[in-house]
Each structure stands twice: as structure tokens, then as C-alpha cells.
C-alpha atoms as a PDB file:
ATOM      1  CA  ILE A   1      81.733  65.223 -74.865  1.00  0.00           C
ATOM      2  CA  VAL A   2      80.523  66.148 -78.332  1.00  0.00           C
ATOM      3  CA  ALA A   3      82.450  65.314 -81.489  1.00  0.00           C
ATOM      4  CA  HIS A   4      82.086  65.749 -85.216  1.00  0.00           C
ATOM      5  CA  ASN A   5      84.314  65.831 -88.262  1.00  0.00           C
ATOM      6  CA  HIS A   6      85.336  68.386 -90.860  1.00  0.00           C
ATOM      7  CA  LEU A   7      85.749  66.765 -94.238  1.00  0.00           C
ATOM      8  CA  SER A   8      87.638  69.846 -95.468  1.00  0.00           C
ATOM      9  CA  GLY A   9      90.737  68.654 -93.604  1.00  0.00           C
ATOM     10  CA  ASP A  10      90.857  71.741 -91.355  1.00  0.00           C
ATOM     11  CA  PRO A  11      89.677  70.900 -87.835  1.00  0.00           C
ATOM     12  CA  HIS A  12      89.561  74.512 -86.640  1.00  0.00           C
ATOM     13  CA  PRO A  13      86.085  75.553 -85.515  1.00  0.00           C
ATOM     14  CA  SER A  14      83.854  77.834 -87.527  1.00  0.00           C
ATOM     15  CA  GLU A  15      81.480  80.431 -86.115  1.00  0.00           C
ATOM     16  CA  ALA A  16      78.708  77.855 -86.534  1.00  0.00           C
ATOM     17  CA  ASP A  17      80.722  75.378 -84.435  1.00  0.00           C
ATOM     18  CA  ASP A  18      81.127  78.022 -81.713  1.00  0.00           C
ATOM     19  CA  ASN A  19      77.395  78.775 -81.770  1.00  0.00           C
ATOM     20  CA  ALA A  20      76.513  75.085 -81.562  1.00  0.00           C
ATOM     21  CA  THR A  21      78.961  74.591 -78.689  1.00  0.00           C
ATOM     22  CA  SER A  22      77.447  77.518 -76.826  1.00  0.00           C
ATOM     23  CA  LYS A  23      73.930  76.140 -77.275  1.00  0.00           C
ATOM     24  CA  LEU A  24      74.997  72.643 -76.235  1.00  0.00           C
ATOM     25  CA  ASN A  25      76.667  74.097 -73.149  1.00  0.00           C
ATOM     26  CA  MET A  26      73.440  75.889 -72.184  1.00  0.00           C
ATOM     27  CA  ILE A  27      71.353  72.753 -72.752  1.00  0.00           C
ATOM     28  CA  CYS A  28      73.725  70.750 -70.564  1.00  0.00           C
ATOM     29  CA  ALA A  29      73.719  73.411 -67.821  1.00  0.00           C
ATOM     30  CA  LEU A  30      69.916  73.576 -67.788  1.00  0.00           C
ATOM     31  CA  ASN A  31      69.810  69.797 -67.295  1.00  0.00           C
ATOM     32  CA  GLY A  32      72.431  69.564 -64.557  1.00  0.00           C
ATOM     33  CA  ALA A  33      75.139  68.199 -66.841  1.00  0.00           C
ATOM     34  CA  GLU A  34      78.487  69.617 -67.908  1.00  0.00           C
ATOM     35  CA  LEU A  35      79.841  69.870 -71.424  1.00  0.00           C
ATOM     36  CA  VAL A  36      83.386  68.580 -70.939  1.00  0.00           C
ATOM     37  CA  ASP A  37      84.727  69.021 -74.478  1.00  0.00           C
ATOM     38  CA  HIS A  38      83.833  69.473 -78.118  1.00  0.00           C
ATOM     39  CA  LEU A  39      86.198  67.673 -80.466  1.00  0.00           C
ATOM     40  CA  ILE A  40      86.518  68.292 -84.182  1.00  0.00           C
ATOM     41  CA  PHE A  41      88.289  65.681 -86.268  1.00  0.00           C
ATOM     42  CA  SER A  42      89.802  65.897 -89.716  1.00  0.00           C
ATOM     43  CA  ALA A  43      91.712  63.188 -91.563  1.00  0.00           C
ATOM     44  CA  ASP A  44      94.910  63.664 -89.561  1.00  0.00           C
ATOM     45  CA  LYS A  45      94.253  66.415 -86.993  1.00  0.00           C
ATOM     46  CA  THR A  46      92.011  67.016 -84.001  1.00  0.00           C
ATOM     47  CA  PHE A  47      90.824  70.259 -82.401  1.00  0.00           C
ATOM     48  CA  SER A  48      89.757  70.242 -78.748  1.00  0.00           C
ATOM     49  CA  TYR A  49      87.737  73.163 -77.412  1.00  0.00           C
ATOM     50  CA  ARG A  50      88.866  72.228 -73.917  1.00  0.00           C
ATOM     51  CA  PHE A  51      92.589  72.031 -74.620  1.00  0.00           C
ATOM     52  CA  GLU A  52      92.520  75.277 -76.598  1.00  0.00           C
ATOM     53  CA  ASP A  53      90.658  77.018 -73.701  1.00  0.00           C
ATOM     54  CA  ARG A  54      87.904  77.892 -76.152  1.00  0.00           C
ATOM     55  CA  LEU A  55      85.323  76.001 -74.106  1.00  0.00           C
ATOM     56  CA  ASP A  56      86.162  78.058 -71.005  1.00  0.00           C
ATOM     57  CA  ARG A  57      85.642  81.287 -72.972  1.00  0.00           C
ATOM     58  CA  ILE A  58      82.276  80.045 -74.236  1.00  0.00           C
ATOM     59  CA  LYS A  59      81.234  79.082 -70.704  1.00  0.00           C
ATOM     60  CA  GLU A  60      82.367  82.459 -69.316  1.00  0.00           C
ATOM     61  CA  ARG A  61      80.346  84.271 -72.001  1.00  0.00           C
ATOM     62  CA  ALA A  62      77.269  82.178 -71.150  1.00  0.00           C
ATOM     63  CA  ASN A  63      77.690  82.873 -67.433  1.00  0.00           C
ATOM     64  CA  SER A  64      77.897  86.622 -68.027  1.00  0.00           C
ATOM     65  CA  VAL A  65      74.665  86.500 -70.041  1.00  0.00           C
ATOM     66  CA  LEU A  66      72.865  84.495 -67.359  1.00  0.00           C
ATOM     67  CA  SER A  67      74.075  86.721 -64.511  1.00  0.00           C
END
């Protein structure tokens, strides 16, 4: 699980967050580990890539590139 915060108050991921998540997923896969979630925190909200199915989409995209 990877986590970081957004000081802006909006926990929704940016394109940079998506790119970082994709790279972290590939690094984990190459080392026999699984990226389970990427959480983004703000002052009073949390965004979960896993619960929003965004992590599955990133993993599917990576699998299609590797295939």
C-alpha cells in the first residue's frame, strides 16, 4: 500500500498520481509483489485507487502493454 497527501484539500488523483501508481505497480510486479492500494489523503477526505476501481484499470493497462 502506498499513501500520500494532497495539501490542496482535494484527494482526487492527478495525472502525475496515475503515472506514479502505474510505475509503482510495474516495480512491484517485477519484484514478485502486488500493489494493493494507493491512498490519497486530504484534511477530511480519502481517495482509494482500489475502492474506486482505478487500480484495476491501471493494472489492466499495464498487462496489455506487457502482453
